[in-house]
Amino acid sequence: MPFVSQELIEKTWKAVAVSSEQQILKMQRNHQKKQQALTYFAFSHLLDLREEAAGVGIYVYHVVLFAFSRVSPKPGRVKRVQIEQYIDAGIRVEEYDPIAKIAESSEPHVLRYVYEALTEYEDEVVLSDTEQAEIFNTLNLVVSCLHDSCVRA
């Protein structure tokens, strides 16, 4: 059962979209403090992309974390060993099949948001297929870890 509803993810991305730069920086510091291993994992993959693509990925990452911070039970701290278990289980694979991943996800509303954020070009940043795949697969693992962390809480 998903923890993040369609309504919650919509309210969350809309709240982040109208946040001031100061509020966003505060949120980012909070996420880095509370989810240190997860942030390190995500940033280590996202920052390998070109600057504009990395910016999109990092923005979407913070929206995802903010959405999970608004659920009950709140996710516990994701540890590096948990991330490695998901990698070993093949959660973050190089194939890019977002529709299948959304359908099988424990958090389909969150992954649908991720997919739409990467493919709808309202911003001026157009992502290549490779960039979309890297961001989506990285955030798919993040979402899986956060969901599991809520279950364990």
C-alpha atoms as a PDB file:
ATOM      1  CA  MET A   1       0.000   0.000   0.000  1.00  0.00           C
ATOM      2  CA  PRO A   2       1.430   3.402  -0.951  1.00  0.00           C
ATOM      3  CA  PHE A   3       2.107   5.969   1.731  1.00  0.00           C
ATOM      4  CA  VAL A   4       2.071   8.919  -0.692  1.00  0.00           C
ATOM      5  CA  SER A   5      -1.278   9.540  -2.355  1.00  0.00           C
ATOM      6  CA  GLN A   6      -1.812  11.276  -5.686  1.00  0.00           C
ATOM      7  CA  GLU A   7      -3.278  14.227  -3.796  1.00  0.00           C
ATOM      8  CA  LEU A   8      -0.273  14.489  -1.476  1.00  0.00           C
ATOM      9  CA  ILE A   9       2.315  14.377  -4.259  1.00  0.00           C
ATOM     10  CA  GLU A  10       0.394  17.078  -6.167  1.00  0.00           C
ATOM     11  CA  LYS A  11       0.117  19.304  -3.097  1.00  0.00           C
ATOM     12  CA  THR A  12       3.797  18.745  -2.383  1.00  0.00           C
ATOM     13  CA  TRP A  13       5.207  19.648  -5.802  1.00  0.00           C
ATOM     14  CA  LYS A  14       2.907  22.675  -5.947  1.00  0.00           C
ATOM     15  CA  ALA A  15       4.100  23.814  -2.501  1.00  0.00           C
ATOM     16  CA  VAL A  16       7.737  23.432  -3.519  1.00  0.00           C
ATOM     17  CA  ALA A  17       7.109  25.274  -6.796  1.00  0.00           C
ATOM     18  CA  VAL A  18       5.936  28.400  -4.959  1.00  0.00           C
ATOM     19  CA  SER A  19       8.547  28.226  -2.184  1.00  0.00           C
ATOM     20  CA  SER A  20      11.071  30.987  -1.810  1.00  0.00           C
ATOM     21  CA  GLU A  21      14.744  30.337  -2.392  1.00  0.00           C
ATOM     22  CA  GLN A  22      15.271  30.600   1.380  1.00  0.00           C
ATOM     23  CA  GLN A  23      12.596  27.951   2.060  1.00  0.00           C
ATOM     24  CA  ILE A  24      14.056  25.603  -0.547  1.00  0.00           C
ATOM     25  CA  LEU A  25      17.567  25.936   0.897  1.00  0.00           C
ATOM     26  CA  LYS A  26      16.209  25.184   4.371  1.00  0.00           C
ATOM     27  CA  MET A  27      14.364  22.125   3.028  1.00  0.00           C
ATOM     28  CA  GLN A  28      17.499  20.900   1.233  1.00  0.00           C
ATOM     29  CA  ARG A  29      19.642  21.245   4.381  1.00  0.00           C
ATOM     30  CA  ASN A  30      17.002  19.382   6.362  1.00  0.00           C
ATOM     31  CA  HIS A  31      16.921  16.533   3.825  1.00  0.00           C
ATOM     32  CA  GLN A  32      20.710  16.298   3.736  1.00  0.00           C
ATOM     33  CA  LYS A  33      20.778  16.087   7.532  1.00  0.00           C
ATOM     34  CA  LYS A  34      17.948  13.566   7.947  1.00  0.00           C
ATOM     35  CA  GLN A  35      18.746  11.357   4.937  1.00  0.00           C
ATOM     36  CA  GLN A  36      22.508  11.657   4.656  1.00  0.00           C
ATOM     37  CA  ALA A  37      23.237   8.286   2.994  1.00  0.00           C
ATOM     38  CA  LEU A  38      20.312   8.591   0.592  1.00  0.00           C
ATOM     39  CA  THR A  39      21.294  12.136  -0.360  1.00  0.00           C
ATOM     40  CA  TYR A  40      24.899  11.068  -0.924  1.00  0.00           C
ATOM     41  CA  PHE A  41      23.747   8.185  -3.138  1.00  0.00           C
ATOM     42  CA  ALA A  42      21.374  10.342  -5.191  1.00  0.00           C
ATOM     43  CA  PHE A  43      23.769  13.251  -5.591  1.00  0.00           C
ATOM     44  CA  SER A  44      26.676  10.980  -6.524  1.00  0.00           C
ATOM     45  CA  HIS A  45      24.634   9.736  -9.498  1.00  0.00           C
ATOM     46  CA  LEU A  46      22.832  12.926 -10.412  1.00  0.00           C
ATOM     47  CA  LEU A  47      25.884  15.174 -10.318  1.00  0.00           C
ATOM     48  CA  ASP A  48      27.517  13.024 -13.019  1.00  0.00           C
ATOM     49  CA  LEU A  49      24.967  14.451 -15.472  1.00  0.00           C
ATOM     50  CA  ARG A  50      25.279  17.781 -17.265  1.00  0.00           C
ATOM     51  CA  GLU A  51      24.511  20.693 -14.968  1.00  0.00           C
ATOM     52  CA  GLU A  52      20.951  21.380 -16.164  1.00  0.00           C
ATOM     53  CA  ALA A  53      19.935  17.713 -15.996  1.00  0.00           C
ATOM     54  CA  ALA A  54      21.492  17.352 -12.544  1.00  0.00           C
ATOM     55  CA  GLY A  55      19.490  20.380 -11.428  1.00  0.00           C
ATOM     56  CA  VAL A  56      16.233  18.794 -12.573  1.00  0.00           C
ATOM     57  CA  GLY A  57      17.118  15.510 -10.847  1.00  0.00           C
ATOM     58  CA  ILE A  58      18.068  17.194  -7.587  1.00  0.00           C
ATOM     59  CA  TYR A  59      14.903  19.296  -7.602  1.00  0.00           C
ATOM     60  CA  VAL A  60      12.716  16.223  -8.148  1.00  0.00           C
ATOM     61  CA  TYR A  61      14.695  14.349  -5.455  1.00  0.00           C
ATOM     62  CA  HIS A  62      13.851  17.042  -2.909  1.00  0.00           C
ATOM     63  CA  VAL A  63      10.163  17.051  -3.889  1.00  0.00           C
ATOM     64  CA  VAL A  64      10.119  13.269  -3.313  1.00  0.00           C
ATOM     65  CA  LEU A  65      11.773  13.599   0.103  1.00  0.00           C
ATOM     66  CA  PHE A  66       9.424  16.419   1.078  1.00  0.00           C
ATOM     67  CA  ALA A  67       6.408  14.283   0.122  1.00  0.00           C
ATOM     68  CA  PHE A  68       7.667  11.425   2.271  1.00  0.00           C
ATOM     69  CA  SER A  69       8.260  13.822   5.175  1.00  0.00           C
ATOM     70  CA  ARG A  70       4.517  14.505   5.129  1.00  0.00           C
ATOM     71  CA  VAL A  71       3.312  10.911   5.533  1.00  0.00           C
ATOM     72  CA  SER A  72       2.637   8.799   8.577  1.00  0.00           C
ATOM     73  CA  PRO A  73       4.569   6.889   9.632  1.00  0.00           C
ATOM     74  CA  LYS A  74       7.503   9.065   8.643  1.00  0.00           C
ATOM     75  CA  PRO A  75      10.410   7.248   7.043  1.00  0.00           C
ATOM     76  CA  GLY A  76      13.333   6.409   9.252  1.00  0.00           C
ATOM     77  CA  ARG A  77      16.878   7.207   8.274  1.00  0.00           C
ATOM     78  CA  VAL A  78      17.881   5.166   5.235  1.00  0.00           C
ATOM     79  CA  LYS A  79      21.251   3.552   5.804  1.00  0.00           C
ATOM     80  CA  ARG A  80      23.912   2.810   3.219  1.00  0.00           C
ATOM     81  CA  VAL A  81      23.483  -0.960   3.714  1.00  0.00           C
ATOM     82  CA  GLN A  82      19.806  -0.656   2.722  1.00  0.00           C
ATOM     83  CA  ILE A  83      20.747   1.222  -0.452  1.00  0.00           C
ATOM     84  CA  GLU A  84      23.317  -1.449  -1.290  1.00  0.00           C
ATOM     85  CA  GLN A  85      20.707  -4.186  -0.756  1.00  0.00           C
ATOM     86  CA  TYR A  86      18.423  -2.504  -3.268  1.00  0.00           C
ATOM     87  CA  ILE A  87      21.275  -2.156  -5.745  1.00  0.00           C
ATOM     88  CA  ASP A  88      22.134  -5.847  -5.292  1.00  0.00           C
ATOM     89  CA  ALA A  89      18.465  -6.751  -5.807  1.00  0.00           C
ATOM     90  CA  GLY A  90      18.488  -4.929  -9.147  1.00  0.00           C
ATOM     91  CA  ILE A  91      16.207  -2.042  -8.179  1.00  0.00           C
ATOM     92  CA  ARG A  92      18.498   0.454  -9.896  1.00  0.00           C
ATOM     93  CA  VAL A  93      19.119  -1.069 -13.275  1.00  0.00           C
ATOM     94  CA  GLU A  94      20.265   0.522 -16.484  1.00  0.00           C
ATOM     95  CA  GLU A  95      17.119  -0.393 -18.423  1.00  0.00           C
ATOM     96  CA  TYR A  96      14.576   2.375 -18.705  1.00  0.00           C
ATOM     97  CA  ASP A  97      11.008   1.126 -18.626  1.00  0.00           C
ATOM     98  CA  PRO A  98       9.177   3.733 -16.543  1.00  0.00           C
ATOM     99  CA  ILE A  99       5.653   2.513 -17.278  1.00  0.00           C
ATOM    100  CA  ALA A 100       6.482  -0.987 -15.992  1.00  0.00           C
ATOM    101  CA  LYS A 101       8.336   0.453 -12.973  1.00  0.00           C
ATOM    102  CA  ILE A 102       5.362   2.668 -12.092  1.00  0.00           C
ATOM    103  CA  ALA A 103       2.940  -0.250 -12.404  1.00  0.00           C
ATOM    104  CA  GLU A 104       4.980  -2.497 -10.113  1.00  0.00           C
ATOM    105  CA  SER A 105       6.027   0.212  -7.655  1.00  0.00           C
ATOM    106  CA  SER A 106       4.978   0.324  -4.023  1.00  0.00           C
ATOM    107  CA  GLU A 107       4.667   4.107  -4.570  1.00  0.00           C
ATOM    108  CA  PRO A 108       3.126   4.522  -8.048  1.00  0.00           C
ATOM    109  CA  HIS A 109       1.960   8.105  -7.484  1.00  0.00           C
ATOM    110  CA  VAL A 110       5.468   9.246  -6.595  1.00  0.00           C
ATOM    111  CA  LEU A 111       7.057   7.464  -9.554  1.00  0.00           C
ATOM    112  CA  ARG A 112       4.406   8.862 -11.896  1.00  0.00           C
ATOM    113  CA  TYR A 113       5.306  12.348 -10.638  1.00  0.00           C
ATOM    114  CA  VAL A 114       9.016  11.613 -11.244  1.00  0.00           C
ATOM    115  CA  TYR A 115       8.307  10.393 -14.776  1.00  0.00           C
ATOM    116  CA  GLU A 116       6.113  13.377 -15.617  1.00  0.00           C
ATOM    117  CA  ALA A 117       8.646  15.824 -14.173  1.00  0.00           C
ATOM    118  CA  LEU A 118      11.307  14.343 -16.443  1.00  0.00           C
ATOM    119  CA  THR A 119       9.241  14.180 -19.620  1.00  0.00           C
ATOM    120  CA  GLU A 120       7.079  17.313 -19.541  1.00  0.00           C
ATOM    121  CA  TYR A 121       9.067  20.190 -20.911  1.00  0.00           C
ATOM    122  CA  GLU A 122       7.422  23.200 -19.310  1.00  0.00           C
ATOM    123  CA  ASP A 123      10.888  24.239 -18.205  1.00  0.00           C
ATOM    124  CA  GLU A 124      13.584  25.085 -20.669  1.00  0.00           C
ATOM    125  CA  VAL A 125      15.594  21.968 -19.819  1.00  0.00           C
ATOM    126  CA  VAL A 126      15.062  19.120 -22.264  1.00  0.00           C
ATOM    127  CA  LEU A 127      16.518  15.874 -20.992  1.00  0.00           C
ATOM    128  CA  SER A 128      18.016  13.270 -23.268  1.00  0.00           C
ATOM    129  CA  ASP A 129      16.737   9.699 -23.037  1.00  0.00           C
ATOM    130  CA  THR A 130      19.935   8.750 -21.206  1.00  0.00           C
ATOM    131  CA  GLU A 131      19.484  11.565 -18.673  1.00  0.00           C
ATOM    132  CA  GLN A 132      15.836  10.633 -18.132  1.00  0.00           C
ATOM    133  CA  ALA A 133      16.814   7.010 -17.546  1.00  0.00           C
ATOM    134  CA  GLU A 134      19.607   7.872 -15.095  1.00  0.00           C
ATOM    135  CA  ILE A 135      17.437  10.230 -13.059  1.00  0.00           C
ATOM    136  CA  PHE A 136      14.401   7.927 -13.096  1.00  0.00           C
ATOM    137  CA  ASN A 137      16.373   4.829 -12.116  1.00  0.00           C
ATOM    138  CA  THR A 138      18.179   6.691  -9.336  1.00  0.00           C
ATOM    139  CA  LEU A 139      14.942   8.103  -7.957  1.00  0.00           C
ATOM    140  CA  ASN A 140      13.201   4.743  -8.284  1.00  0.00           C
ATOM    141  CA  LEU A 141      15.741   3.363  -5.820  1.00  0.00           C
ATOM    142  CA  VAL A 142      15.263   6.400  -3.557  1.00  0.00           C
ATOM    143  CA  VAL A 143      11.489   5.889  -3.558  1.00  0.00           C
ATOM    144  CA  SER A 144      11.872   2.157  -2.795  1.00  0.00           C
ATOM    145  CA  CYS A 145      14.186   2.899   0.123  1.00  0.00           C
ATOM    146  CA  LEU A 146      11.867   5.559   1.546  1.00  0.00           C
ATOM    147  CA  HIS A 147       8.808   3.323   1.233  1.00  0.00           C
ATOM    148  CA  ASP A 148      10.607   0.454   2.963  1.00  0.00           C
ATOM    149  CA  SER A 149      11.796   2.850   5.648  1.00  0.00           C
ATOM    150  CA  CYS A 150       8.177   3.868   6.334  1.00  0.00           C
ATOM    151  CA  VAL A 151       7.161   0.215   6.632  1.00  0.00           C
ATOM    152  CA  ARG A 152       9.895  -0.368   9.217  1.00  0.00           C
ATOM    153  CA  ALA A 153       9.057   2.779  11.198  1.00  0.00           C
END
